[in-house]
Protein backbone atom coordinates (compact mmCIF):
# COMPACT_ATOMS: atom_id res chain seq x y z
CA UNK A 1 1.60 -5.67 -79.55
CA UNK A 2 1.94 -8.64 -77.17
CA UNK A 3 2.34 -12.02 -78.76
CA UNK A 4 3.56 -15.49 -77.92
CA UNK A 5 7.20 -15.98 -79.08
CA UNK A 6 8.16 -19.30 -77.44
CA UNK A 7 8.09 -22.70 -79.12
CA UNK A 8 4.61 -23.53 -80.26
CA UNK A 9 5.11 -27.28 -79.80
CA UNK A 10 5.40 -26.67 -76.05
CA UNK A 11 1.77 -25.49 -76.09
CA UNK A 12 0.61 -28.78 -77.61
CA UNK A 13 2.57 -30.79 -75.07
CA UNK A 14 1.16 -28.65 -72.24
CA UNK A 15 -2.41 -29.37 -73.33
CA UNK A 16 -1.63 -33.03 -74.00
CA UNK A 17 -2.97 -33.08 -77.57
CA UNK A 18 -2.26 -31.69 -81.03
CA UNK A 19 -3.41 -28.12 -81.47
CA UNK A 20 -2.23 -28.02 -85.10
CA UNK A 21 -0.18 -24.85 -84.67
CA UNK A 22 2.65 -25.81 -87.02
CA UNK A 23 0.83 -26.71 -90.19
CA UNK A 24 2.16 -29.73 -92.08
CA UNK A 25 4.60 -30.62 -89.29
CA UNK A 26 1.68 -31.67 -87.10
CA UNK A 27 0.85 -34.51 -89.52
CA UNK A 28 4.40 -35.99 -89.51
CA UNK A 29 6.54 -37.97 -87.08
CA UNK A 30 8.37 -34.78 -86.20
CA UNK A 31 5.38 -33.59 -84.16
CA UNK A 32 6.36 -33.03 -80.55
CA UNK A 33 3.37 -34.99 -79.25
CA UNK A 34 4.55 -38.05 -81.15
CA UNK A 35 7.99 -37.84 -79.51
CA UNK A 36 7.19 -36.59 -76.02
CA UNK A 37 3.50 -36.83 -75.10
CA UNK A 38 4.00 -35.42 -71.59
CA UNK A 39 3.92 -31.77 -70.50
CA UNK A 40 7.15 -29.69 -70.73
CA UNK A 41 9.23 -28.92 -67.64
CA UNK A 42 10.85 -31.00 -64.95
CA UNK A 43 7.51 -32.06 -63.46
CA UNK A 44 5.88 -32.77 -66.79
CA UNK A 45 5.84 -36.56 -66.43
CA UNK A 46 4.09 -36.54 -63.06
CA UNK A 47 0.44 -37.53 -63.00
CA UNK A 48 -1.17 -34.83 -60.91
CA UNK A 49 -4.81 -34.93 -59.92
CA UNK A 50 -6.75 -32.07 -61.50
CA UNK A 51 -9.38 -30.03 -59.68
CA UNK A 52 -12.55 -28.88 -61.43
CA UNK A 53 -11.02 -25.42 -61.73
CA UNK A 54 -7.86 -26.81 -63.30
CA UNK A 55 -9.87 -28.77 -65.83
CA UNK A 56 -11.84 -25.68 -66.81
CA UNK A 57 -8.69 -23.54 -67.02
CA UNK A 58 -6.92 -26.02 -69.22
CA UNK A 59 -9.88 -26.17 -71.62
CA UNK A 60 -9.95 -22.40 -71.84
CA UNK A 61 -6.22 -22.22 -72.43
CA UNK A 62 -6.45 -24.88 -75.13
CA UNK A 63 -9.13 -23.10 -77.12
CA UNK A 64 -7.37 -19.76 -76.69
CA UNK A 65 -4.12 -21.15 -77.99
CA UNK A 66 -5.76 -22.92 -80.90
CA UNK A 67 -7.16 -19.67 -82.18
CA UNK A 68 -4.05 -17.64 -81.26
CA UNK A 69 -5.96 -15.16 -79.06
CA UNK A 70 -4.51 -13.44 -76.02
CA UNK A 71 -6.34 -13.55 -72.67
CA UNK A 72 -7.78 -10.03 -72.84
CA UNK A 73 -9.01 -10.59 -76.37
CA UNK A 74 -10.48 -13.96 -75.44
CA UNK A 75 -12.37 -12.55 -72.49
CA UNK A 76 -13.81 -9.85 -74.74
CA UNK A 77 -14.97 -12.51 -77.19
CA UNK A 78 -16.62 -14.43 -74.37
CA UNK A 79 -18.42 -11.32 -73.15
CA UNK A 80 -19.76 -10.73 -76.67
CA UNK A 81 -20.88 -14.36 -76.89
CA UNK A 82 -22.60 -14.08 -73.53
CA UNK A 83 -24.63 -11.07 -74.69
CA UNK A 84 -25.90 -12.89 -77.75
CA UNK A 85 -29.03 -14.98 -77.75
CA UNK A 86 -28.58 -18.73 -77.73
CA UNK A 87 -26.05 -21.07 -76.16
CA UNK A 88 -23.05 -19.09 -74.91
CA UNK A 89 -20.52 -21.84 -75.63
CA UNK A 90 -21.69 -22.21 -79.24
CA UNK A 91 -21.79 -18.46 -79.65
CA UNK A 92 -18.18 -18.30 -78.43
CA UNK A 93 -16.98 -20.73 -81.09
CA UNK A 94 -19.04 -18.97 -83.78
CA UNK A 95 -17.36 -15.63 -83.00
CA UNK A 96 -13.89 -17.23 -83.07
CA UNK A 97 -14.62 -19.01 -86.32
CA UNK A 98 -15.76 -15.75 -87.93
CA UNK A 99 -12.32 -14.14 -87.45
CA UNK A 100 -10.74 -13.36 -90.79
CA UNK A 101 -7.54 -15.30 -90.04
CA UNK A 102 -9.59 -18.39 -89.09
CA UNK A 103 -11.79 -18.09 -92.18
CA UNK A 104 -8.67 -17.91 -94.37
CA UNK A 105 -7.29 -20.98 -92.61
CA UNK A 106 -10.54 -22.92 -93.02
CA UNK A 107 -10.58 -21.99 -96.71
CA UNK A 108 -7.09 -23.44 -97.20
CA UNK A 109 -5.20 -20.17 -97.72
CA UNK A 110 -2.61 -21.16 -95.10
CA UNK A 111 -1.25 -24.36 -93.57
CA UNK A 112 -1.91 -23.00 -90.05
CA UNK A 113 -3.78 -20.15 -88.42
CA UNK A 114 -0.55 -18.27 -87.79
CA UNK A 115 0.34 -18.55 -91.47
CA UNK A 116 -3.14 -17.33 -92.49
CA UNK A 117 -2.78 -14.50 -89.98
CA UNK A 118 0.50 -13.45 -91.59
CA UNK A 119 -1.12 -13.38 -95.00
CA UNK A 120 -3.87 -11.11 -93.67
CA UNK A 121 -1.41 -8.75 -91.95
CA UNK A 122 0.62 -8.39 -95.16
CA UNK A 123 -2.41 -7.07 -97.08
CA UNK A 124 -2.83 -10.31 -98.97
CA UNK A 125 -6.55 -10.74 -98.43
CA UNK A 126 -9.55 -8.92 -99.96
CA UNK A 127 -13.04 -8.95 -98.38
CA UNK A 128 -15.84 -7.85 -100.70
CA UNK A 129 -13.34 -6.00 -102.91
CA UNK A 130 -11.51 -4.16 -100.10
CA UNK A 131 -8.17 -5.12 -98.62
CA UNK A 132 -8.40 -6.01 -94.93
CA UNK A 133 -5.24 -6.48 -92.82
CA UNK A 134 -6.94 -7.00 -89.41
CA UNK A 135 -6.88 -10.71 -88.37
CA UNK A 136 -9.71 -10.24 -85.90
CA UNK A 137 -12.03 -8.73 -88.53
CA UNK A 138 -15.40 -10.50 -88.37
CA UNK A 139 -16.51 -12.01 -91.64
CA UNK A 140 -20.27 -12.01 -91.95
CA UNK A 141 -22.40 -14.56 -93.90
CA UNK A 142 -22.56 -13.52 -97.55
CA UNK A 143 -19.15 -11.82 -97.63
CA UNK A 144 -16.55 -12.98 -100.13
CA UNK A 145 -12.96 -13.54 -99.11
CA UNK A 146 -10.24 -13.90 -101.72
CA UNK A 147 -6.46 -13.75 -101.94
CA UNK A 148 -5.30 -10.53 -103.65
CA UNK A 149 -4.10 -11.18 -107.22
CA UNK A 150 -0.62 -9.74 -106.48
CA UNK A 151 -0.27 -12.05 -103.44
CA UNK A 152 -1.34 -15.44 -104.90
CA UNK A 153 2.19 -16.56 -105.77
CA UNK A 154 3.29 -15.92 -102.16
CA UNK A 155 0.36 -17.74 -100.60
CA UNK A 156 0.58 -21.51 -100.18
CA UNK A 157 -3.01 -22.18 -101.20
CA UNK A 158 -3.69 -25.77 -100.14
CA UNK A 159 -5.19 -28.42 -102.33
CA UNK A 160 -8.61 -29.83 -101.61
CA UNK A 161 -7.26 -33.01 -99.90
CA UNK A 162 -5.95 -30.91 -97.03
CA UNK A 163 -9.50 -30.18 -96.00
CA UNK A 164 -10.02 -33.83 -95.04
CA UNK A 165 -7.42 -33.50 -92.28
CA UNK A 166 -9.25 -30.56 -90.79
CA UNK A 167 -12.61 -32.26 -90.45
CA UNK A 168 -13.94 -30.85 -93.72
CA UNK A 169 -15.79 -30.34 -95.95
CA UNK A 170 -17.16 -27.35 -94.14
CA UNK A 171 -20.70 -26.81 -95.32
CA UNK A 172 -20.82 -23.19 -94.06
CA UNK A 173 -18.06 -22.19 -96.51
CA UNK A 174 -18.05 -22.14 -100.31
CA UNK A 175 -14.48 -22.32 -101.62
CA UNK A 176 -12.96 -22.13 -105.10
CA UNK A 177 -9.28 -23.07 -104.66
CA UNK A 178 -8.46 -22.40 -108.35
CA UNK A 179 -9.47 -18.76 -107.87
CA UNK A 180 -8.18 -18.58 -104.27
CA UNK A 181 -11.56 -17.31 -103.21
CA UNK A 182 -14.48 -18.31 -101.01
CA UNK A 183 -17.60 -17.13 -99.34
CA UNK A 184 -19.13 -17.58 -95.88
CA UNK A 185 -22.62 -18.91 -96.60
CA UNK A 186 -23.96 -19.11 -93.03
CA UNK A 187 -23.01 -19.07 -89.36
CA UNK A 188 -21.64 -22.46 -88.43
CA UNK A 189 -23.45 -24.68 -85.91
CA UNK A 190 -21.49 -26.54 -83.28
CA UNK A 191 -21.67 -29.73 -85.31
CA UNK A 192 -20.08 -27.92 -88.29
CA UNK A 193 -17.04 -26.72 -86.32
CA UNK A 194 -14.26 -29.34 -86.31
CA UNK A 195 -12.86 -28.58 -82.90
CA UNK A 196 -12.12 -31.03 -80.07
CA UNK A 197 -13.22 -28.84 -77.18
CA UNK A 198 -15.73 -28.74 -74.35
CA UNK A 199 -16.82 -25.13 -74.54
CA UNK A 200 -19.22 -25.56 -71.63
CA UNK A 201 -16.19 -25.79 -69.30
CA UNK A 202 -15.09 -22.35 -70.48
CA UNK A 203 -18.55 -20.97 -69.74
CA UNK A 204 -18.43 -22.48 -66.22
CA UNK A 205 -15.00 -20.90 -65.67
CA UNK A 206 -15.99 -17.40 -66.66
CA UNK A 207 -19.33 -17.68 -64.88
CA UNK A 208 -17.70 -17.92 -61.44
């Protein structure tokens, strides 16, 4: 399976902002953006004028990298969002937020999405009583997600104060950190998704 294996901090520098791909490191002075806020490469410090297409492309790349989705997967998610009723951009973010790895991250079962994804892949998560090891599994409203009892000691379940740094509390999730369990209560609206992104630019890019 294809996956990104280069330094994750280069992605943050390329997009010019923190994507929070490294968990706790992103909140310290060791963050690459704090040290070198320009893009990587020999031309990274040049101020180049962006076209409309470049702006749309960078926004798409930023959201794709935040959620850790490859291009083919991301295009499939967009096509699904486009088929749904409602605003395509909001539908896109709703589908991405419903991924099991993202739900686990939002619930505090991992310091980053990649850490939460690893927990899922290692059979450490149970959805409605059944183990699920597919990170892209869609969690529906009403379903319960919990860390398997035999995996709780391996999982760095975060304390409630960590939610503040992620734009929480998230009203569309019900979480019990003591039991390492939670439930998706509803589909999140755009206002309930703590993400610094202009999803309309992605819609314009794919609509061409």
